[in-house]
């Protein structure tokens, strides 16, 4: 009886903890206020060229700012910009959000590429393409009109064909069986890896030019389905069918080359060696976000989440890279045990898209708690987190770790809106 009573007492203590598993609006209020106030420190406006800095027509956001930090930002970055506008697609930020998109479109119109960032020395590569998603989200939020949508998507189609389906310098990306790779005009593997945004990662074994990346080809599938959606919205059924056929061809090839049914994940494909890579990473969840996975593939991907799920969210890869601590090896910050805001966001939104709302919520709360713990302890946000041991700092990369980071701030705010705020 004494043991039974003790068990009841332990249960009584555990239940309140269970009930308080979710965060409250009060828990995150100070952090959200900090984020709202911090955006002004990240805003820049450079309308004319200034040495290496390219002039842009509208104000934009830079990834980070820290007083006195040697690694300073004044330029706009391509994929950072897409993630930084998450959580601010409202009336208050309309001019800024639309202006950032206008800057990206202006870069392509001028240079026939959206570069890694708005610096002349970063023109040799781009970054993961999110242009159609940016356009459609702005269109949905602010409804700038049919003429605007046509013009913006026409530029996105040029980017798709010129940059991502290019077959010769400076855009030799269409590599094998209709699929594309990351690239750099200097034809160096490490710089092509930098185009992936995952600089650096064990995914490509420092041979990025030899790989068809699963995330890139999922993003291009998203372009094709977005083009089909807009064509149908504008009444062009024939064009819509053409884009849908292109998307289906890409999906069929990806399924053959990159889907591993036994492991329940997509993998990058080394077309030079004719075999899949062996690094399990969150890049596998881009097809979920893009709507590219079948229901069966989606179910397998959900089961595979356990490979990556940790106390503070999802780790970028499932295991510590071989040689991570070998003297002279390249540091791989886009790997275990680090977690990154854009990869959490892509995975969570992919889960939502396929109806796995409980999994999406669980992962959102874990990530928010990891971010919040560091903020409460240190008063700032990081560009990446150690999701395995959230009390410890993340593993460093080839450049200095950053604080006050734009995409972390934005994804934190967006997940608060989606999972903490009361629905209207």
Protein backbone atom coordinates (compact mmCIF):
# COMPACT_ATOMS: atom_id res chain seq x y z
CA UNK A 1 0.00 0.00 0.00
CA UNK A 2 2.83 2.37 0.86
CA UNK A 3 4.36 1.78 -2.57
CA UNK A 4 1.00 2.41 -4.28
CA UNK A 5 0.52 5.65 -2.38
CA UNK A 6 4.01 6.78 -3.29
CA UNK A 7 3.34 6.02 -6.95
CA UNK A 8 0.13 8.11 -6.82
CA UNK A 9 2.07 11.01 -5.31
CA UNK A 10 4.68 10.80 -8.04
CA UNK A 11 1.96 10.78 -10.70
CA UNK A 12 0.31 13.79 -9.11
CA UNK A 13 3.59 15.66 -9.35
CA UNK A 14 4.18 14.56 -12.95
CA UNK A 15 0.79 15.60 -14.30
CA UNK A 16 1.27 19.34 -13.86
CA UNK A 17 4.62 19.06 -15.60
CA UNK A 18 2.95 17.33 -18.51
CA UNK A 19 0.26 19.98 -18.71
CA UNK A 20 2.94 22.67 -18.80
CA UNK A 21 4.88 20.96 -21.58
CA UNK A 22 3.72 23.58 -24.09
CA UNK A 23 5.00 27.13 -23.93
CA UNK A 24 2.68 29.99 -23.09
CA UNK A 25 2.49 33.46 -24.61
CA UNK A 26 3.95 34.80 -21.37
CA UNK A 27 6.96 32.46 -21.65
CA UNK A 28 8.00 33.89 -25.02
CA UNK A 29 6.91 37.53 -24.63
CA UNK A 30 10.32 38.96 -23.68
CA UNK A 31 12.05 37.10 -26.51
CA UNK A 32 9.49 38.27 -29.07
CA UNK A 33 9.84 41.86 -27.91
CA UNK A 34 13.61 41.57 -28.27
CA UNK A 35 13.18 40.20 -31.82
CA UNK A 36 10.77 42.97 -32.82
CA UNK A 37 13.16 45.65 -31.58
CA UNK A 38 16.20 43.95 -33.13
CA UNK A 39 15.02 44.17 -36.77
CA UNK A 40 16.06 47.83 -36.97
CA UNK A 41 19.66 46.81 -36.26
CA UNK A 42 19.53 44.44 -39.26
CA UNK A 43 17.97 46.89 -41.72
CA UNK A 44 20.20 48.45 -44.39
CA UNK A 45 19.65 50.77 -47.36
CA UNK A 46 22.31 51.14 -50.05
CA UNK A 47 20.69 52.46 -53.25
CA UNK A 48 23.97 52.91 -55.19
CA UNK A 49 27.02 50.74 -55.77
CA UNK A 50 29.75 51.32 -53.20
CA UNK A 51 33.01 49.56 -53.97
CA UNK A 52 32.10 45.84 -53.75
CA UNK A 53 28.63 46.46 -52.27
CA UNK A 54 25.92 46.37 -54.95
CA UNK A 55 23.28 49.09 -54.82
CA UNK A 56 19.68 47.95 -54.34
CA UNK A 57 16.46 49.94 -54.82
CA UNK A 58 14.84 49.20 -51.46
CA UNK A 59 15.85 48.69 -47.82
CA UNK A 60 16.66 45.09 -46.88
CA UNK A 61 17.73 42.93 -43.95
CA UNK A 62 21.20 41.53 -43.29
CA UNK A 63 21.68 38.21 -41.46
CA UNK A 64 23.30 39.51 -38.28
CA UNK A 65 24.73 42.43 -36.40
CA UNK A 66 26.92 42.51 -33.33
CA UNK A 67 28.69 45.60 -32.04
CA UNK A 68 32.42 45.35 -32.66
CA UNK A 69 32.25 41.91 -34.34
CA UNK A 70 34.92 41.41 -36.99
CA UNK A 71 32.50 39.47 -39.21
CA UNK A 72 30.25 42.34 -40.31
CA UNK A 73 27.28 42.18 -42.71
CA UNK A 74 26.07 44.96 -44.99
CA UNK A 75 24.85 42.88 -47.93
CA UNK A 76 21.57 41.13 -48.70
CA UNK A 77 21.64 37.31 -48.89
CA UNK A 78 19.35 35.25 -51.11
CA UNK A 79 17.97 32.40 -49.03
CA UNK A 80 18.40 34.22 -45.72
CA UNK A 81 15.98 36.85 -47.05
CA UNK A 82 13.22 34.28 -47.62
CA UNK A 83 13.45 32.96 -44.08
CA UNK A 84 13.77 36.42 -42.53
CA UNK A 85 10.38 37.51 -43.88
CA UNK A 86 8.67 34.65 -42.05
CA UNK A 87 6.69 36.05 -39.16
CA UNK A 88 6.50 39.56 -40.63
CA UNK A 89 4.04 39.19 -43.51
CA UNK A 90 1.66 41.73 -42.01
CA UNK A 91 0.59 45.31 -42.65
CA UNK A 92 3.32 46.74 -40.43
CA UNK A 93 6.11 45.18 -42.50
CA UNK A 94 4.50 45.33 -45.96
CA UNK A 95 6.91 47.90 -47.39
CA UNK A 96 9.98 46.09 -46.07
CA UNK A 97 8.89 42.60 -47.17
CA UNK A 98 7.88 43.70 -50.66
CA UNK A 99 11.04 45.79 -50.91
CA UNK A 100 13.31 42.82 -50.13
CA UNK A 101 11.62 40.83 -52.89
CA UNK A 102 12.00 43.80 -55.25
CA UNK A 103 15.73 43.83 -54.45
CA UNK A 104 16.06 40.13 -55.35
CA UNK A 105 14.19 40.67 -58.61
CA UNK A 106 16.37 43.71 -59.36
CA UNK A 107 19.52 41.66 -58.83
CA UNK A 108 18.39 39.10 -61.38
CA UNK A 109 17.27 41.74 -63.87
CA UNK A 110 20.70 43.37 -63.70
CA UNK A 111 23.04 40.38 -63.47
CA UNK A 112 20.96 37.43 -64.78
CA UNK A 113 21.57 35.66 -61.48
CA UNK A 114 20.54 36.26 -57.89
CA UNK A 115 23.99 36.04 -56.34
CA UNK A 116 24.92 34.46 -53.03
CA UNK A 117 24.78 38.04 -51.69
CA UNK A 118 24.84 41.60 -53.03
CA UNK A 119 28.65 41.78 -53.32
CA UNK A 120 30.60 41.81 -56.57
CA UNK A 121 32.93 39.12 -55.18
CA UNK A 122 29.97 36.80 -54.48
CA UNK A 123 28.60 36.86 -58.04
CA UNK A 124 30.12 33.51 -59.02
CA UNK A 125 27.42 31.51 -57.27
CA UNK A 126 23.82 31.78 -56.12
CA UNK A 127 22.07 30.23 -53.09
CA UNK A 128 19.19 27.75 -52.68
CA UNK A 129 16.35 29.11 -54.88
CA UNK A 130 13.28 30.30 -53.00
CA UNK A 131 12.12 32.99 -55.44
CA UNK A 132 8.73 31.52 -56.43
CA UNK A 133 7.85 30.81 -52.81
CA UNK A 134 8.76 34.39 -51.87
CA UNK A 135 6.63 35.74 -54.75
CA UNK A 136 3.58 33.63 -53.90
CA UNK A 137 3.75 34.50 -50.20
CA UNK A 138 3.94 38.22 -50.99
CA UNK A 139 1.09 37.82 -53.47
CA UNK A 140 -1.07 36.07 -50.87
CA UNK A 141 -0.24 38.52 -48.08
CA UNK A 142 -0.55 41.79 -49.98
CA UNK A 143 -2.33 41.03 -53.30
CA UNK A 144 -0.29 43.46 -55.43
CA UNK A 145 -2.27 42.51 -58.55
CA UNK A 146 -2.22 40.28 -61.61
CA UNK A 147 0.19 42.42 -63.61
CA UNK A 148 2.71 42.36 -60.75
CA UNK A 149 2.36 38.58 -60.38
CA UNK A 150 2.94 38.00 -64.10
CA UNK A 151 6.04 40.19 -64.13
CA UNK A 152 7.54 38.66 -60.98
CA UNK A 153 6.95 35.09 -62.15
CA UNK A 154 8.41 35.92 -65.57
CA UNK A 155 11.67 36.83 -63.81
CA UNK A 156 11.49 33.61 -61.77
CA UNK A 157 11.09 31.62 -65.00
CA UNK A 158 14.18 33.32 -66.40
CA UNK A 159 16.11 32.42 -63.25
CA UNK A 160 14.88 28.81 -63.48
CA UNK A 161 16.00 28.42 -67.11
CA UNK A 162 19.15 30.57 -67.10
CA UNK A 163 20.66 29.70 -63.73
CA UNK A 164 19.31 26.36 -62.56
CA UNK A 165 18.93 24.70 -65.96
CA UNK A 166 22.09 26.25 -67.43
CA UNK A 167 24.43 23.90 -69.30
CA UNK A 168 27.60 26.00 -69.67
CA UNK A 169 29.57 28.68 -67.85
CA UNK A 170 28.63 30.74 -65.90
CA UNK A 171 25.69 28.46 -65.05
CA UNK A 172 26.69 24.85 -65.66
CA UNK A 173 24.15 23.34 -63.26
CA UNK A 174 21.98 20.98 -65.34
CA UNK A 175 24.15 17.94 -64.80
CA UNK A 176 22.50 14.55 -65.21
CA UNK A 177 19.15 13.09 -66.34
CA UNK A 178 17.39 16.46 -66.13
CA UNK A 179 18.51 17.17 -62.55
CA UNK A 180 20.63 20.05 -61.32
CA UNK A 181 23.59 20.56 -59.00
CA UNK A 182 25.07 23.40 -56.99
CA UNK A 183 27.80 25.25 -58.85
CA UNK A 184 30.31 28.10 -58.85
CA UNK A 185 31.87 29.79 -61.85
CA UNK A 186 35.34 29.04 -60.49
CA UNK A 187 34.48 25.34 -60.77
CA UNK A 188 35.67 24.62 -57.23
CA UNK A 189 33.92 22.01 -55.10
CA UNK A 190 34.07 24.04 -51.87
CA UNK A 191 32.56 27.11 -53.54
CA UNK A 192 29.80 25.01 -55.08
CA UNK A 193 29.16 23.69 -51.57
CA UNK A 194 28.87 27.31 -50.43
CA UNK A 195 26.07 27.79 -53.00
CA UNK A 196 24.13 25.09 -51.16
CA UNK A 197 24.07 27.36 -48.10
CA UNK A 198 25.40 24.39 -46.11
CA UNK A 199 28.94 25.68 -45.77
CA UNK A 200 30.33 23.31 -44.75
CA UNK A 201 28.64 19.90 -44.63
CA UNK A 202 29.66 16.22 -44.81
CA UNK A 203 26.93 15.59 -47.41
CA UNK A 204 29.19 15.96 -50.43
CA UNK A 205 32.55 14.82 -49.07
CA UNK A 206 34.01 18.09 -50.40
CA UNK A 207 33.05 17.05 -53.94
CA UNK A 208 29.89 19.12 -54.32
CA UNK A 209 30.16 19.48 -58.11
CA UNK A 210 29.75 15.69 -58.41
CA UNK A 211 26.41 15.58 -56.58
CA UNK A 212 22.77 16.09 -57.46
CA UNK A 213 21.43 17.52 -54.17
CA UNK A 214 18.01 16.41 -53.03
CA UNK A 215 17.15 19.81 -51.53
CA UNK A 216 17.97 21.72 -54.73
CA UNK A 217 15.90 19.40 -56.92
CA UNK A 218 12.98 19.57 -54.49
CA UNK A 219 13.19 23.37 -54.68
CA UNK A 220 13.12 23.21 -58.48
CA UNK A 221 10.13 20.86 -58.31
CA UNK A 222 8.48 23.56 -56.19
CA UNK A 223 9.27 26.12 -58.91
CA UNK A 224 7.62 23.91 -61.51
CA UNK A 225 4.47 23.34 -59.47
CA UNK A 226 4.35 27.05 -58.56
CA UNK A 227 4.57 27.98 -62.24
CA UNK A 228 1.74 25.53 -62.94
CA UNK A 229 -0.38 27.01 -60.14
CA UNK A 230 0.04 30.58 -61.37
CA UNK A 231 -0.56 29.62 -65.01
CA UNK A 232 -3.84 27.98 -64.01
CA UNK A 233 -4.80 30.98 -61.86
CA UNK A 234 -4.21 33.21 -64.87
CA UNK A 235 -6.28 30.97 -67.13
CA UNK A 236 -3.52 29.29 -69.14
CA UNK A 237 -4.36 25.60 -68.78
CA UNK A 238 -1.93 24.49 -71.51
CA UNK A 239 1.04 26.10 -69.76
CA UNK A 240 -0.07 24.67 -66.43
CA UNK A 241 -0.06 21.16 -67.87
CA UNK A 242 3.43 21.66 -69.31
CA UNK A 243 4.83 22.69 -65.93
CA UNK A 244 3.07 19.82 -64.18
CA UNK A 245 4.61 17.39 -66.67
CA UNK A 246 8.06 18.86 -65.98
CA UNK A 247 7.50 18.44 -62.24
CA UNK A 248 6.40 14.82 -62.68
CA UNK A 249 9.48 14.04 -64.76
CA UNK A 250 11.70 15.49 -62.06
CA UNK A 251 9.90 13.56 -59.33
CA UNK A 252 10.17 10.28 -61.26
CA UNK A 253 13.93 10.72 -61.71
CA UNK A 254 14.43 11.75 -58.08
CA UNK A 255 12.51 8.68 -56.92
CA UNK A 256 14.80 6.40 -58.92
CA UNK A 257 18.10 8.04 -58.03
CA UNK A 258 17.56 9.50 -54.57
CA UNK A 259 14.81 7.71 -52.67
CA UNK A 260 16.02 4.92 -50.38
CA UNK A 261 12.98 2.84 -49.48
CA UNK A 262 14.79 0.73 -46.88
CA UNK A 263 16.14 3.70 -44.97
CA UNK A 264 13.04 5.83 -45.51
CA UNK A 265 14.99 8.90 -46.64
CA UNK A 266 16.10 10.79 -49.72
CA UNK A 267 19.84 11.04 -50.35
CA UNK A 268 22.01 13.22 -52.57
CA UNK A 269 23.16 11.39 -55.72
CA UNK A 270 26.78 11.25 -56.86
CA UNK A 271 26.33 11.12 -60.64
CA UNK A 272 30.08 10.80 -61.26
CA UNK A 273 30.25 7.56 -59.26
CA UNK A 274 26.70 6.50 -60.11
CA UNK A 275 25.60 5.96 -56.52
CA UNK A 276 23.76 7.66 -53.68
CA UNK A 277 25.60 9.50 -50.95
CA UNK A 278 25.55 7.92 -47.52
CA UNK A 279 24.98 10.99 -45.30
CA UNK A 280 21.51 11.13 -43.76
CA UNK A 281 20.47 14.78 -43.44
CA UNK A 282 17.50 17.09 -43.12
CA UNK A 283 17.86 17.87 -46.82
CA UNK A 284 15.69 14.75 -47.16
CA UNK A 285 12.71 16.74 -45.87
CA UNK A 286 12.71 19.38 -48.62
CA UNK A 287 10.54 17.10 -50.82
CA UNK A 288 7.99 17.07 -47.99
CA UNK A 289 7.93 20.88 -47.90
CA UNK A 290 7.71 21.03 -51.70
CA UNK A 291 4.85 18.51 -51.92
CA UNK A 292 7.05 16.14 -53.90
CA UNK A 293 6.75 13.07 -51.66
CA UNK A 294 4.03 10.46 -52.04
CA UNK A 295 1.88 9.60 -49.02
CA UNK A 296 3.96 6.45 -48.52
CA UNK A 297 7.23 8.39 -48.73
CA UNK A 298 5.87 10.99 -46.31
CA UNK A 299 4.96 8.28 -43.80
CA UNK A 300 8.46 6.81 -44.07
CA UNK A 301 10.04 10.24 -43.61
CA UNK A 302 8.00 10.77 -40.45
CA UNK A 303 9.26 7.45 -39.06
CA UNK A 304 12.81 8.54 -39.90
CA UNK A 305 12.50 11.70 -37.80
CA UNK A 306 13.82 9.71 -34.84
CA UNK A 307 17.24 9.73 -36.53
CA UNK A 308 17.42 13.49 -36.13
CA UNK A 309 15.18 14.37 -33.19
CA UNK A 310 16.94 15.51 -30.04
CA UNK A 311 16.17 17.47 -26.91
CA UNK A 312 16.46 20.84 -28.67
CA UNK A 313 14.98 19.93 -32.04
CA UNK A 314 16.32 18.37 -35.22
CA UNK A 315 20.04 17.88 -35.83
CA UNK A 316 21.23 18.65 -39.35
CA UNK A 317 22.63 15.15 -39.84
CA UNK A 318 21.95 12.02 -37.82
CA UNK A 319 25.50 11.29 -36.61
CA UNK A 320 28.77 13.06 -35.93
CA UNK A 321 30.70 13.43 -39.21
CA UNK A 322 33.68 11.15 -39.66
CA UNK A 323 36.87 13.13 -39.06
CA UNK A 324 35.07 16.06 -37.42
CA UNK A 325 37.85 16.49 -34.88
CA UNK A 326 40.78 15.38 -37.01
CA UNK A 327 43.48 18.09 -37.05
CA UNK A 328 43.38 19.98 -40.34
CA UNK A 329 39.91 18.76 -41.38
CA UNK A 330 37.27 21.19 -42.61
CA UNK A 331 34.83 22.11 -39.81
CA UNK A 332 31.31 21.05 -40.79
CA UNK A 333 28.85 23.25 -38.90
CA UNK A 334 25.94 22.01 -41.05
CA UNK A 335 25.97 18.65 -39.30
CA UNK A 336 25.30 16.89 -35.99
CA UNK A 337 24.94 18.15 -33.27
CA UNK A 338 23.94 21.53 -34.73
CA UNK A 339 20.40 22.54 -35.59
CA UNK A 340 19.53 25.43 -37.92
CA UNK A 341 16.33 27.49 -38.04
CA UNK A 342 15.65 27.15 -41.80
CA UNK A 343 15.89 23.36 -41.65
CA UNK A 344 13.54 23.19 -38.65
CA UNK A 345 11.11 25.44 -40.54
CA UNK A 346 11.24 23.46 -43.79
CA UNK A 347 10.69 20.16 -41.96
CA UNK A 348 7.88 21.49 -39.76
CA UNK A 349 6.04 23.04 -42.71
CA UNK A 350 6.52 19.82 -44.67
CA UNK A 351 4.93 17.84 -41.84
CA UNK A 352 2.04 20.30 -41.73
CA UNK A 353 1.54 19.98 -45.48
CA UNK A 354 1.03 16.22 -45.19
CA UNK A 355 -1.20 16.42 -42.11
CA UNK A 356 1.34 15.43 -39.44
CA UNK A 357 0.34 18.29 -37.17
CA UNK A 358 1.25 16.68 -33.85
CA UNK A 359 4.77 15.94 -35.04
CA UNK A 360 5.07 19.49 -36.36
CA UNK A 361 3.92 20.94 -33.05
CA UNK A 362 6.23 18.74 -30.99
CA UNK A 363 9.27 19.75 -33.03
CA UNK A 364 8.25 23.42 -32.98
CA UNK A 365 8.01 23.47 -29.19
CA UNK A 366 11.38 21.70 -28.83
CA UNK A 367 13.07 24.23 -31.08
CA UNK A 368 11.39 27.21 -29.41
CA UNK A 369 12.47 25.93 -25.99
CA UNK A 370 16.09 25.52 -27.12
CA UNK A 371 16.11 29.07 -28.50
CA UNK A 372 14.35 30.42 -25.44
CA UNK A 373 16.70 28.70 -23.01
CA UNK A 374 19.72 30.36 -24.62
CA UNK A 375 17.94 33.72 -24.77
CA UNK A 376 16.97 33.55 -21.09
CA UNK A 377 20.52 32.60 -20.11
CA UNK A 378 22.48 34.90 -22.43
CA UNK A 379 20.05 37.54 -23.72
CA UNK A 380 20.49 36.81 -27.42
CA UNK A 381 19.73 34.47 -30.31
CA UNK A 382 22.26 32.40 -32.28
CA UNK A 383 22.61 31.48 -35.95
CA UNK A 384 22.59 27.78 -34.96
CA UNK A 385 22.15 25.68 -31.82
CA UNK A 386 23.50 22.51 -30.29
CA UNK A 387 20.21 20.58 -30.28
CA UNK A 388 21.76 17.51 -28.65
CA UNK A 389 22.93 19.51 -25.60
CA UNK A 390 21.10 22.86 -25.72
CA UNK A 391 23.09 24.10 -22.68
CA UNK A 392 26.30 23.89 -24.71
CA UNK A 393 27.34 26.17 -27.57
CA UNK A 394 27.03 24.91 -31.15
CA UNK A 395 29.95 23.41 -33.03
CA UNK A 396 31.86 26.16 -34.84
CA UNK A 397 32.31 26.36 -38.59
CA UNK A 398 34.85 27.87 -40.98
CA UNK A 399 33.74 31.39 -40.09
CA UNK A 400 33.02 32.93 -36.66
CA UNK A 401 29.72 32.07 -35.00
CA UNK A 402 27.11 34.81 -35.27
CA UNK A 403 24.54 36.17 -32.81
CA UNK A 404 21.35 38.21 -33.19
CA UNK A 405 20.63 36.12 -36.24
CA UNK A 406 17.88 37.08 -38.69
CA UNK A 407 16.52 33.72 -39.72
CA UNK A 408 16.57 32.39 -36.17
CA UNK A 409 14.62 35.42 -34.99
CA UNK A 410 12.12 35.16 -37.83
CA UNK A 411 11.47 31.44 -37.50
CA UNK A 412 11.08 31.83 -33.73
CA UNK A 413 8.44 34.51 -34.28
CA UNK A 414 6.68 32.50 -37.00
CA UNK A 415 6.48 29.36 -34.86
CA UNK A 416 5.15 31.45 -31.97
CA UNK A 417 2.42 32.74 -34.27
CA UNK A 418 1.59 29.24 -35.49
CA UNK A 419 1.78 27.29 -32.23
CA UNK A 420 1.46 29.65 -29.29
CA UNK A 421 -0.79 32.54 -30.31
CA UNK A 422 -4.50 31.96 -29.93
CA UNK A 423 -6.20 31.42 -33.29
CA UNK A 424 -8.36 34.29 -34.49
